[in-house]
Amino acid sequence: MKILYIKCNPKPDNESFTHRISKEFIKEYAKKNPDHSISEINLYEYGIEHLSYESMCQVFENNGRMFETAKDFSSYDKYIIAAPMWNLSIPSILKAYIDHIVVKGITFRYNKFGLPIGLMKNKKAIYLGTRGGSYPFPLSLFAFDVRYVRYVLRFIGIKNFKSFILENIDKNRIKAENKLESNLKKVRVLAKNF
């Protein structure tokens, strides 16, 4: 079983709640599944760029960065995506990566009626996110991080999707630190069942 961990935060590990919860998730998952292979992509080191005209042309010739990124992504069985919510959405670098993996003929196709069909069947994903504040209803209507990731993965066929969001990390850092261990327990339970 191949697992891809997509890391989307430029902060050092010890300064990021996102990294701390994802590292705990991976540690617990690896403990329960020692025979599974976990690969990590740090998008801030990976060198992902926004799509260009050249990269979009190359993908139609089955080569180039977009083609290679989508092929690599499609080879995994499970996905762990860890990112903070910035400005009500995901970091732009994660959006750029998603633009490279949603590729016709690799992760989705069109049927005879022109409707998109996801090709990434029988795969699982979890989104581990952090937010500086709290977004209860109706503010939750403006939080597009989890919603966007869920729907773009569904578009390419990944319907088995879960998420864990740690909120209020900037509102009160001391309180967030004090509650971290109880949140890590929840993350460990999710990892055991992933």
N, C-alpha and C. Protein backbone atom coordinates (compact mmCIF):
# COMPACT_ATOMS: atom_id res chain seq x y z
N MET A 1 0.85 -1.18 0.00
CA MET A 1 0.00 0.00 0.00
C MET A 1 0.89 1.24 0.00
N LYS A 2 0.63 2.16 -0.94
CA LYS A 2 1.43 3.38 -1.06
C LYS A 2 0.64 4.58 -0.56
N ILE A 3 1.26 5.35 0.33
CA ILE A 3 0.62 6.51 0.94
C ILE A 3 1.40 7.75 0.55
N LEU A 4 0.69 8.81 0.17
CA LEU A 4 1.34 10.08 -0.16
C LEU A 4 0.94 11.12 0.87
N TYR A 5 1.93 11.70 1.52
CA TYR A 5 1.73 12.78 2.48
C TYR A 5 2.09 14.09 1.79
N ILE A 6 1.10 14.96 1.62
CA ILE A 6 1.28 16.25 0.94
C ILE A 6 1.32 17.34 2.01
N LYS A 7 2.48 17.91 2.18
CA LYS A 7 2.76 18.88 3.24
C LYS A 7 2.69 20.29 2.65
N CYS A 8 1.82 21.15 3.21
CA CYS A 8 1.55 22.45 2.58
C CYS A 8 1.67 23.62 3.56
N ASN A 9 2.75 23.69 4.29
CA ASN A 9 2.94 24.80 5.21
C ASN A 9 4.43 25.15 5.24
N PRO A 10 4.79 26.42 5.02
CA PRO A 10 6.21 26.79 4.96
C PRO A 10 6.89 26.90 6.32
N LYS A 11 6.12 26.84 7.41
CA LYS A 11 6.71 26.99 8.74
C LYS A 11 7.58 25.78 9.10
N PRO A 12 8.57 25.99 9.98
CA PRO A 12 9.32 24.84 10.51
C PRO A 12 8.37 23.93 11.28
N ASP A 13 8.69 22.66 11.34
CA ASP A 13 7.81 21.66 11.97
C ASP A 13 7.39 22.04 13.39
N ASN A 14 8.33 22.51 14.20
CA ASN A 14 8.02 22.78 15.60
C ASN A 14 7.18 24.05 15.79
N GLU A 15 7.05 24.88 14.77
CA GLU A 15 6.25 26.11 14.87
C GLU A 15 4.88 25.98 14.22
N SER A 16 4.58 24.82 13.69
CA SER A 16 3.34 24.64 12.93
C SER A 16 2.44 23.59 13.58
N PHE A 17 1.24 24.00 13.94
CA PHE A 17 0.26 23.04 14.44
C PHE A 17 -0.12 22.05 13.33
N THR A 18 -0.14 22.53 12.11
CA THR A 18 -0.45 21.65 10.97
C THR A 18 0.54 20.50 10.89
N HIS A 19 1.83 20.83 10.98
CA HIS A 19 2.86 19.78 10.93
C HIS A 19 2.78 18.86 12.14
N ARG A 20 2.49 19.44 13.28
CA ARG A 20 2.47 18.63 14.51
C ARG A 20 1.34 17.60 14.48
N ILE A 21 0.16 17.99 14.02
CA ILE A 21 -0.93 17.00 13.98
C ILE A 21 -0.69 15.98 12.87
N SER A 22 -0.13 16.43 11.74
CA SER A 22 0.09 15.48 10.65
C SER A 22 1.21 14.49 10.99
N LYS A 23 2.25 14.97 11.67
CA LYS A 23 3.33 14.06 12.08
C LYS A 23 2.81 13.00 13.05
N GLU A 24 1.93 13.42 13.95
CA GLU A 24 1.34 12.47 14.90
C GLU A 24 0.47 11.44 14.17
N PHE A 25 -0.30 11.93 13.20
CA PHE A 25 -1.14 11.04 12.39
C PHE A 25 -0.28 10.00 11.68
N ILE A 26 0.78 10.46 11.05
CA ILE A 26 1.66 9.56 10.28
C ILE A 26 2.37 8.57 11.20
N LYS A 27 2.83 9.05 12.35
CA LYS A 27 3.49 8.16 13.32
C LYS A 27 2.56 7.03 13.74
N GLU A 28 1.32 7.39 14.06
CA GLU A 28 0.34 6.38 14.49
C GLU A 28 -0.02 5.44 13.35
N TYR A 29 -0.18 6.01 12.15
CA TYR A 29 -0.54 5.18 10.99
C TYR A 29 0.59 4.19 10.68
N ALA A 30 1.82 4.66 10.72
CA ALA A 30 2.97 3.80 10.43
C ALA A 30 3.11 2.69 11.47
N LYS A 31 2.79 3.01 12.71
CA LYS A 31 2.86 2.02 13.78
C LYS A 31 1.86 0.88 13.52
N LYS A 32 0.68 1.25 13.07
CA LYS A 32 -0.37 0.25 12.81
C LYS A 32 -0.18 -0.47 11.47
N ASN A 33 0.51 0.19 10.53
CA ASN A 33 0.69 -0.37 9.17
C ASN A 33 2.16 -0.34 8.77
N PRO A 34 3.00 -1.12 9.45
CA PRO A 34 4.45 -1.05 9.19
C PRO A 34 4.86 -1.47 7.79
N ASP A 35 4.01 -2.22 7.10
CA ASP A 35 4.36 -2.66 5.75
C ASP A 35 3.94 -1.67 4.67
N HIS A 36 3.28 -0.57 5.04
CA HIS A 36 2.87 0.43 4.07
C HIS A 36 4.00 1.44 3.84
N SER A 37 4.12 1.89 2.61
CA SER A 37 5.17 2.84 2.23
C SER A 37 4.59 4.25 2.23
N ILE A 38 5.20 5.16 3.00
CA ILE A 38 4.73 6.55 3.08
C ILE A 38 5.76 7.47 2.44
N SER A 39 5.34 8.18 1.40
CA SER A 39 6.19 9.17 0.74
C SER A 39 5.70 10.57 1.09
N GLU A 40 6.63 11.49 1.21
CA GLU A 40 6.28 12.87 1.57
C GLU A 40 6.64 13.82 0.44
N ILE A 41 5.73 14.74 0.15
CA ILE A 41 6.01 15.85 -0.76
C ILE A 41 5.80 17.13 0.04
N ASN A 42 6.85 17.88 0.24
CA ASN A 42 6.74 19.21 0.84
C ASN A 42 6.61 20.17 -0.34
N LEU A 43 5.42 20.72 -0.52
CA LEU A 43 5.17 21.55 -1.70
C LEU A 43 6.05 22.79 -1.76
N TYR A 44 6.55 23.23 -0.61
CA TYR A 44 7.44 24.40 -0.60
C TYR A 44 8.86 24.04 -1.01
N GLU A 45 9.17 22.76 -1.08
CA GLU A 45 10.48 22.31 -1.57
C GLU A 45 10.36 21.61 -2.92
N TYR A 46 9.16 21.22 -3.26
CA TYR A 46 8.90 20.44 -4.47
C TYR A 46 9.08 21.25 -5.75
N GLY A 47 8.94 22.56 -5.64
CA GLY A 47 9.13 23.42 -6.80
C GLY A 47 7.92 23.48 -7.71
N ILE A 48 6.73 23.29 -7.15
CA ILE A 48 5.52 23.36 -7.97
C ILE A 48 5.30 24.81 -8.39
N GLU A 49 4.89 25.01 -9.62
CA GLU A 49 4.62 26.36 -10.14
C GLU A 49 3.18 26.43 -10.60
N HIS A 50 2.70 27.64 -10.79
CA HIS A 50 1.37 27.79 -11.37
C HIS A 50 1.41 27.27 -12.80
N LEU A 51 0.27 26.82 -13.29
CA LEU A 51 0.22 26.29 -14.65
C LEU A 51 0.61 27.36 -15.65
N SER A 52 1.31 26.93 -16.67
CA SER A 52 1.69 27.83 -17.75
C SER A 52 1.11 27.28 -19.06
N TYR A 53 1.11 28.10 -20.06
CA TYR A 53 0.64 27.66 -21.38
C TYR A 53 1.47 26.46 -21.86
N GLU A 54 2.76 26.54 -21.63
CA GLU A 54 3.66 25.46 -22.05
C GLU A 54 3.31 24.14 -21.37
N SER A 55 3.09 24.19 -20.03
CA SER A 55 2.79 22.95 -19.31
C SER A 55 1.45 22.37 -19.74
N MET A 56 0.49 23.23 -20.06
CA MET A 56 -0.81 22.73 -20.52
C MET A 56 -0.70 22.11 -21.91
N CYS A 57 0.17 22.65 -22.75
CA CYS A 57 0.37 22.06 -24.08
C CYS A 57 1.10 20.72 -23.97
N GLN A 58 2.10 20.64 -23.10
CA GLN A 58 2.88 19.42 -22.94
C GLN A 58 2.04 18.25 -22.47
N VAL A 59 1.06 18.51 -21.58
CA VAL A 59 0.26 17.42 -21.04
C VAL A 59 -0.52 16.71 -22.13
N PHE A 60 -0.90 17.43 -23.18
CA PHE A 60 -1.62 16.80 -24.30
C PHE A 60 -0.71 15.93 -25.15
N GLU A 61 0.60 16.08 -24.95
CA GLU A 61 1.58 15.24 -25.65
C GLU A 61 2.12 14.15 -24.71
N ASN A 62 1.45 13.97 -23.56
CA ASN A 62 1.85 12.98 -22.55
C ASN A 62 3.28 13.16 -22.06
N ASN A 63 3.65 14.41 -21.82
CA ASN A 63 4.93 14.68 -21.17
C ASN A 63 4.86 16.00 -20.42
N GLY A 64 5.94 16.37 -19.78
CA GLY A 64 5.99 17.62 -19.03
C GLY A 64 5.64 17.44 -17.56
N ARG A 65 5.79 18.51 -16.82
CA ARG A 65 5.61 18.49 -15.36
C ARG A 65 4.19 18.10 -14.95
N MET A 66 3.20 18.64 -15.63
CA MET A 66 1.81 18.35 -15.28
C MET A 66 1.51 16.86 -15.47
N PHE A 67 1.92 16.32 -16.59
CA PHE A 67 1.71 14.90 -16.89
C PHE A 67 2.40 14.02 -15.84
N GLU A 68 3.67 14.32 -15.56
CA GLU A 68 4.44 13.52 -14.61
C GLU A 68 3.86 13.61 -13.19
N THR A 69 3.42 14.81 -12.78
CA THR A 69 2.86 15.00 -11.44
C THR A 69 1.55 14.22 -11.30
N ALA A 70 0.70 14.29 -12.31
CA ALA A 70 -0.59 13.57 -12.26
C ALA A 70 -0.36 12.06 -12.27
N LYS A 71 0.57 11.57 -13.08
CA LYS A 71 0.87 10.13 -13.11
C LYS A 71 1.39 9.66 -11.75
N ASP A 72 2.29 10.44 -11.17
CA ASP A 72 2.84 10.07 -9.86
C ASP A 72 1.73 10.06 -8.81
N PHE A 73 0.91 11.10 -8.78
CA PHE A 73 -0.19 11.18 -7.82
C PHE A 73 -1.13 9.98 -7.95
N SER A 74 -1.44 9.62 -9.16
CA SER A 74 -2.41 8.53 -9.39
C SER A 74 -1.88 7.16 -8.98
N SER A 75 -0.57 7.05 -8.74
CA SER A 75 0.02 5.75 -8.39
C SER A 75 -0.15 5.40 -6.91
N TYR A 76 -0.64 6.33 -6.10
CA TYR A 76 -0.79 6.07 -4.67
C TYR A 76 -2.19 5.54 -4.34
N ASP A 77 -2.29 4.92 -3.16
CA ASP A 77 -3.56 4.34 -2.70
C ASP A 77 -4.29 5.24 -1.71
N LYS A 78 -3.52 5.98 -0.91
CA LYS A 78 -4.09 6.85 0.11
C LYS A 78 -3.33 8.17 0.14
N TYR A 79 -4.04 9.22 0.58
CA TYR A 79 -3.47 10.56 0.58
C TYR A 79 -3.71 11.24 1.92
N ILE A 80 -2.66 11.83 2.45
CA ILE A 80 -2.75 12.64 3.67
C ILE A 80 -2.36 14.06 3.24
N ILE A 81 -3.31 14.97 3.33
CA ILE A 81 -3.06 16.35 2.94
C ILE A 81 -3.12 17.21 4.19
N ALA A 82 -2.05 17.94 4.48
CA ALA A 82 -1.99 18.76 5.68
C ALA A 82 -1.73 20.21 5.29
N ALA A 83 -2.67 21.09 5.66
CA ALA A 83 -2.55 22.49 5.26
C ALA A 83 -3.31 23.40 6.21
N PRO A 84 -2.83 24.64 6.37
CA PRO A 84 -3.60 25.62 7.13
C PRO A 84 -4.66 26.27 6.23
N MET A 85 -5.65 26.88 6.86
CA MET A 85 -6.58 27.69 6.08
C MET A 85 -6.02 29.11 6.05
N TRP A 86 -5.84 29.62 4.85
CA TRP A 86 -5.37 31.00 4.66
C TRP A 86 -6.42 31.75 3.86
N ASN A 87 -6.84 32.87 4.39
CA ASN A 87 -7.80 33.73 3.67
C ASN A 87 -9.01 32.96 3.19
N LEU A 88 -9.54 32.13 4.09
CA LEU A 88 -10.76 31.35 3.89
C LEU A 88 -10.61 30.19 2.92
N SER A 89 -9.39 29.87 2.52
CA SER A 89 -9.20 28.78 1.56
C SER A 89 -7.89 28.04 1.86
N ILE A 90 -7.43 27.29 0.88
CA ILE A 90 -6.18 26.55 1.01
C ILE A 90 -5.02 27.42 0.54
N PRO A 91 -3.79 27.12 0.94
CA PRO A 91 -2.64 27.85 0.41
C PRO A 91 -2.57 27.75 -1.12
N SER A 92 -2.17 28.81 -1.76
CA SER A 92 -2.15 28.82 -3.23
C SER A 92 -1.23 27.74 -3.80
N ILE A 93 -0.21 27.35 -3.05
CA ILE A 93 0.70 26.30 -3.54
C ILE A 93 -0.02 24.95 -3.62
N LEU A 94 -0.96 24.71 -2.72
CA LEU A 94 -1.76 23.48 -2.79
C LEU A 94 -2.70 23.54 -3.99
N LYS A 95 -3.28 24.70 -4.24
CA LYS A 95 -4.13 24.86 -5.42
C LYS A 95 -3.32 24.62 -6.69
N ALA A 96 -2.09 25.13 -6.74
CA ALA A 96 -1.22 24.92 -7.91
C ALA A 96 -0.94 23.42 -8.09
N TYR A 97 -0.70 22.71 -6.98
CA TYR A 97 -0.46 21.27 -7.06
C TYR A 97 -1.71 20.55 -7.58
N ILE A 98 -2.87 20.92 -7.07
CA ILE A 98 -4.12 20.32 -7.53
C ILE A 98 -4.31 20.56 -9.02
N ASP A 99 -3.97 21.75 -9.49
CA ASP A 99 -4.06 22.04 -10.93
C ASP A 99 -3.18 21.10 -11.76
N HIS A 100 -2.10 20.61 -11.17
CA HIS A 100 -1.21 19.67 -11.86
C HIS A 100 -1.70 18.22 -11.82
N ILE A 101 -2.60 17.89 -10.90
CA ILE A 101 -3.02 16.49 -10.79
C ILE A 101 -4.39 16.22 -11.39
N VAL A 102 -5.18 17.25 -11.64
CA VAL A 102 -6.49 17.05 -12.26
C VAL A 102 -6.28 17.09 -13.77
N VAL A 103 -6.00 15.92 -14.32
CA VAL A 103 -5.60 15.81 -15.73
C VAL A 103 -6.47 14.78 -16.44
N LYS A 104 -7.10 15.22 -17.51
CA LYS A 104 -7.95 14.33 -18.31
C LYS A 104 -7.14 13.14 -18.82
N GLY A 105 -7.69 11.95 -18.63
CA GLY A 105 -7.03 10.73 -19.07
C GLY A 105 -6.17 10.08 -18.00
N ILE A 106 -5.88 10.83 -16.92
CA ILE A 106 -5.08 10.27 -15.83
C ILE A 106 -5.92 10.18 -14.55
N THR A 107 -6.50 11.30 -14.13
CA THR A 107 -7.29 11.28 -12.89
C THR A 107 -8.79 11.42 -13.15
N PHE A 108 -9.17 11.82 -14.35
CA PHE A 108 -10.58 11.83 -14.73
C PHE A 108 -10.69 11.72 -16.24
N ARG A 109 -11.90 11.45 -16.71
CA ARG A 109 -12.17 11.40 -18.14
C ARG A 109 -13.58 11.93 -18.37
N TYR A 110 -13.92 12.16 -19.61
CA TYR A 110 -15.28 12.56 -19.95
C TYR A 110 -16.01 11.36 -20.56
N ASN A 111 -17.27 11.18 -20.16
CA ASN A 111 -18.05 10.10 -20.79
C ASN A 111 -18.63 10.58 -22.11
N LYS A 112 -19.43 9.74 -22.77
CA LYS A 112 -19.93 10.07 -24.11
C LYS A 112 -20.88 11.26 -24.09
N PHE A 113 -21.39 11.63 -22.90
CA PHE A 113 -22.28 12.79 -22.79
C PHE A 113 -21.51 14.06 -22.41
N GLY A 114 -20.19 13.92 -22.27
CA GLY A 114 -19.38 15.06 -21.90
C GLY A 114 -19.31 15.32 -20.40
N LEU A 115 -19.79 14.37 -19.61
CA LEU A 115 -19.76 14.53 -18.16
C LEU A 115 -18.46 13.96 -17.60
N PRO A 116 -17.86 14.64 -16.62
CA PRO A 116 -16.60 14.14 -16.05
C PRO A 116 -16.81 12.92 -15.16
N ILE A 117 -15.92 11.95 -15.29
CA ILE A 117 -15.94 10.73 -14.51
C ILE A 117 -14.57 10.59 -13.83
N GLY A 118 -14.56 10.49 -12.49
CA GLY A 118 -13.30 10.32 -11.77
C GLY A 118 -12.71 8.94 -12.01
N LEU A 119 -11.40 8.89 -12.17
CA LEU A 119 -10.70 7.62 -12.41
C LEU A 119 -9.97 7.11 -11.17
N MET A 120 -10.00 7.86 -10.09
CA MET A 120 -9.25 7.49 -8.89
C MET A 120 -10.14 6.71 -7.92
N LYS A 121 -10.64 5.59 -8.37
CA LYS A 121 -11.56 4.77 -7.58
C LYS A 121 -10.83 3.99 -6.50
N ASN A 122 -11.56 3.64 -5.45
CA ASN A 122 -11.06 2.80 -4.35
C ASN A 122 -9.83 3.37 -3.66
N LYS A 123 -9.77 4.70 -3.55
CA LYS A 123 -8.67 5.36 -2.85
C LYS A 123 -9.24 6.15 -1.70
N LYS A 124 -8.37 6.50 -0.74
CA LYS A 124 -8.81 7.22 0.45
C LYS A 124 -7.98 8.48 0.62
N ALA A 125 -8.60 9.49 1.25
CA ALA A 125 -7.87 10.72 1.55
C ALA A 125 -8.33 11.28 2.89
N ILE A 126 -7.41 11.93 3.55
CA ILE A 126 -7.76 12.69 4.77
C ILE A 126 -7.10 14.05 4.67
N TYR A 127 -7.85 15.06 5.09
CA TYR A 127 -7.36 16.43 5.13
C TYR A 127 -7.18 16.83 6.58
N LEU A 128 -5.95 17.16 6.96
CA LEU A 128 -5.64 17.60 8.32
C LEU A 128 -5.36 19.10 8.24
N GLY A 129 -6.30 19.88 8.75
CA GLY A 129 -6.20 21.32 8.60
C GLY A 129 -6.15 22.08 9.91
N THR A 130 -5.68 23.29 9.82
CA THR A 130 -5.66 24.20 10.97
C THR A 130 -6.25 25.53 10.55
N ARG A 131 -6.85 26.21 11.52
CA ARG A 131 -7.44 27.53 11.29
C ARG A 131 -7.08 28.43 12.47
N GLY A 132 -6.80 29.68 12.16
CA GLY A 132 -6.44 30.62 13.21
C GLY A 132 -7.58 30.94 14.16
N GLY A 133 -8.79 30.97 13.64
CA GLY A 133 -9.97 31.28 14.44
C GLY A 133 -10.98 30.15 14.41
N SER A 134 -12.20 30.49 14.77
CA SER A 134 -13.28 29.51 14.81
C SER A 134 -14.31 29.85 13.73
N TYR A 135 -14.85 28.83 13.09
CA TYR A 135 -15.80 29.03 12.00
C TYR A 135 -17.06 28.20 12.20
N PRO A 136 -17.84 28.52 13.26
CA PRO A 136 -19.13 27.84 13.43
C PRO A 136 -20.12 28.41 12.41
N PHE A 137 -21.23 27.71 12.22
CA PHE A 137 -22.26 28.20 11.31
C PHE A 137 -22.77 29.55 11.83
N PRO A 138 -22.96 30.55 11.02
CA PRO A 138 -22.92 30.61 9.56
C PRO A 138 -21.54 30.93 8.98
N LEU A 139 -20.52 31.23 9.84
CA LEU A 139 -19.18 31.52 9.31
C LEU A 139 -18.62 30.34 8.52
N SER A 140 -19.04 29.14 8.85
CA SER A 140 -18.56 27.95 8.14
C SER A 140 -18.87 28.01 6.64
N LEU A 141 -19.89 28.78 6.28
CA LEU A 141 -20.23 28.93 4.85
C LEU A 141 -19.13 29.63 4.08
N PHE A 142 -18.26 30.36 4.79
CA PHE A 142 -17.19 31.10 4.14
C PHE A 142 -15.84 30.39 4.21
N ALA A 143 -15.80 29.24 4.86
CA ALA A 143 -14.56 28.46 4.98
C ALA A 143 -14.52 27.46 3.83
N PHE A 144 -13.68 27.72 2.85
CA PHE A 144 -13.65 26.90 1.63
C PHE A 144 -12.52 25.88 1.60
N ASP A 145 -11.74 25.78 2.66
CA ASP A 145 -10.59 24.87 2.65
C ASP A 145 -11.00 23.41 2.50
N VAL A 146 -11.71 22.88 3.47
CA VAL A 146 -12.12 21.47 3.44
C VAL A 146 -13.09 21.22 2.29
N ARG A 147 -14.00 22.14 2.12
CA ARG A 147 -15.02 21.96 1.08
C ARG A 147 -14.39 21.83 -0.31
N TYR A 148 -13.44 22.71 -0.61
CA TYR A 148 -12.80 22.66 -1.92
C TYR A 148 -12.04 21.34 -2.12
N VAL A 149 -11.23 20.97 -1.13
CA VAL A 149 -10.44 19.74 -1.24
C VAL A 149 -11.36 18.53 -1.39
N ARG A 150 -12.42 18.47 -0.59
CA ARG A 150 -13.38 17.36 -0.68
C ARG A 150 -13.96 17.25 -2.10
N TYR A 151 -14.40 18.37 -2.65
CA TYR A 151 -15.08 18.31 -3.94
C TYR A 151 -14.12 18.08 -5.11
N VAL A 152 -12.92 18.61 -5.04
CA VAL A 152 -11.98 18.34 -6.14
C VAL A 152 -11.54 16.88 -6.11
N LEU A 153 -11.39 16.30 -4.90
CA LEU A 153 -11.05 14.87 -4.82
C LEU A 153 -12.22 14.01 -5.30
N ARG A 154 -13.42 14.41 -4.95
CA ARG A 154 -14.61 13.69 -5.43
C ARG A 154 -14.68 13.75 -6.96
N PHE A 155 -14.34 14.91 -7.53
CA PHE A 155 -14.33 15.09 -8.98
C PHE A 155 -13.43 14.07 -9.66
N ILE A 156 -12.28 13.76 -9.03
CA ILE A 156 -11.37 12.79 -9.64
C ILE A 156 -11.62 11.36 -9.15
N GLY A 157 -12.67 11.16 -8.36
CA GLY A 157 -13.08 9.80 -7.99
C GLY A 157 -12.79 9.36 -6.58
N ILE A 158 -12.15 10.22 -5.77
CA ILE A 158 -11.84 9.83 -4.39
C ILE A 158 -13.01 10.26 -3.50
N LYS A 159 -13.87 9.30 -3.21
CA LYS A 159 -15.07 9.60 -2.42
C LYS A 159 -14.89 9.28 -0.94
N ASN A 160 -13.91 8.44 -0.62
CA ASN A 160 -13.64 8.10 0.77
C ASN A 160 -12.74 9.19 1.35
N PHE A 161 -13.37 10.21 1.94
CA PHE A 161 -12.67 11.41 2.39
C PHE A 161 -13.07 11.74 3.82
N LYS A 162 -12.07 12.03 4.64
CA LYS A 162 -12.32 12.46 6.01
C LYS A 162 -11.48 13.73 6.25
N SER A 163 -11.83 14.45 7.29
CA SER A 163 -11.05 15.63 7.63
C SER A 163 -11.00 15.82 9.14
N PHE A 164 -9.97 16.49 9.56
CA PHE A 164 -9.82 16.89 10.95
C PHE A 164 -9.32 18.33 10.94
N ILE A 165 -10.05 19.22 11.61
CA ILE A 165 -9.68 20.64 11.62
C ILE A 165 -9.42 21.08 13.06
N LEU A 166 -8.26 21.64 13.28
CA LEU A 166 -7.89 22.21 14.57
C LEU A 166 -8.06 23.72 14.46
N GLU A 167 -9.02 24.27 15.21
CA GLU A 167 -9.34 25.69 15.11
C GLU A 167 -8.78 26.48 16.29
N ASN A 168 -8.84 27.79 16.15
CA ASN A 168 -8.45 28.76 17.20
C ASN A 168 -6.98 28.72 17.58
N ILE A 169 -6.11 28.36 16.67
CA ILE A 169 -4.69 28.28 17.04
C ILE A 169 -4.04 29.65 17.16
N ASP A 170 -4.58 30.66 16.47
CA ASP A 170 -4.02 32.01 16.58
C ASP A 170 -4.78 32.87 17.59
N LYS A 171 -6.00 32.49 17.87
CA LYS A 171 -6.83 33.27 18.79
C LYS A 171 -6.21 33.25 20.18
N ASN A 172 -5.77 32.07 20.61
CA ASN A 172 -5.15 31.94 21.93
C ASN A 172 -4.15 30.79 21.86
N ARG A 173 -2.87 31.13 21.58
CA ARG A 173 -1.83 30.11 21.39
C ARG A 173 -1.65 29.24 22.64
N ILE A 174 -1.71 29.85 23.80
CA ILE A 174 -1.50 29.09 25.05
C ILE A 174 -2.61 28.05 25.21
N LYS A 175 -3.82 28.48 24.97
CA LYS A 175 -4.96 27.56 25.08
C LYS A 175 -4.84 26.45 24.02
N ALA A 176 -4.41 26.83 22.83
CA ALA A 176 -4.24 25.84 21.75
C ALA A 176 -3.19 24.81 22.14
N GLU A 177 -2.08 25.28 22.74
CA GLU A 177 -1.02 24.36 23.20
C GLU A 177 -1.56 23.43 24.29
N ASN A 178 -2.33 24.00 25.21
CA ASN A 178 -2.87 23.21 26.32
C ASN A 178 -3.85 22.14 25.84
N LYS A 179 -4.56 22.42 24.75
CA LYS A 179 -5.55 21.45 24.22
C LYS A 179 -4.94 20.52 23.17
N LEU A 180 -3.66 20.74 22.84
CA LEU A 180 -3.05 19.97 21.76
C LEU A 180 -3.07 18.47 22.04
N GLU A 181 -2.73 18.05 23.23
CA GLU A 181 -2.67 16.61 23.52
C GLU A 181 -4.02 15.94 23.34
N SER A 182 -5.10 16.59 23.78
CA SER A 182 -6.43 15.98 23.59
C SER A 182 -6.79 15.92 22.11
N ASN A 183 -6.32 16.89 21.33
CA ASN A 183 -6.55 16.85 19.88
C ASN A 183 -5.70 15.78 19.20
N LEU A 184 -4.48 15.59 19.71
CA LEU A 184 -3.63 14.54 19.15
C LEU A 184 -4.22 13.16 19.39
N LYS A 185 -4.92 12.98 20.51
CA LYS A 185 -5.61 11.70 20.76
C LYS A 185 -6.65 11.44 19.68
N LYS A 186 -7.39 12.47 19.29
CA LYS A 186 -8.39 12.34 18.22
C LYS A 186 -7.71 11.99 16.90
N VAL A 187 -6.57 12.62 16.65
CA VAL A 187 -5.82 12.37 15.41
C VAL A 187 -5.33 10.92 15.38
N ARG A 188 -4.89 10.41 16.51
CA ARG A 188 -4.41 9.01 16.57
C ARG A 188 -5.52 8.03 16.26
N VAL A 189 -6.72 8.32 16.75
CA VAL A 189 -7.87 7.45 16.46
C VAL A 189 -8.17 7.47 14.96
N LEU A 190 -8.14 8.64 14.36
CA LEU A 190 -8.34 8.74 12.90
C LEU A 190 -7.28 7.94 12.15
N ALA A 191 -6.03 8.03 12.60
CA ALA A 191 -4.94 7.32 11.93
C ALA A 191 -5.12 5.81 12.01
N LYS A 192 -5.60 5.32 13.14
CA LYS A 192 -5.80 3.87 13.30
C LYS A 192 -6.86 3.35 12.35
N ASN A 193 -7.81 4.20 11.99
CA ASN A 193 -8.92 3.77 11.14
C ASN A 193 -8.79 4.21 9.68
N PHE A 194 -7.63 4.75 9.32
CA PHE A 194 -7.44 5.26 7.97
C PHE A 194 -6.99 4.15 7.02
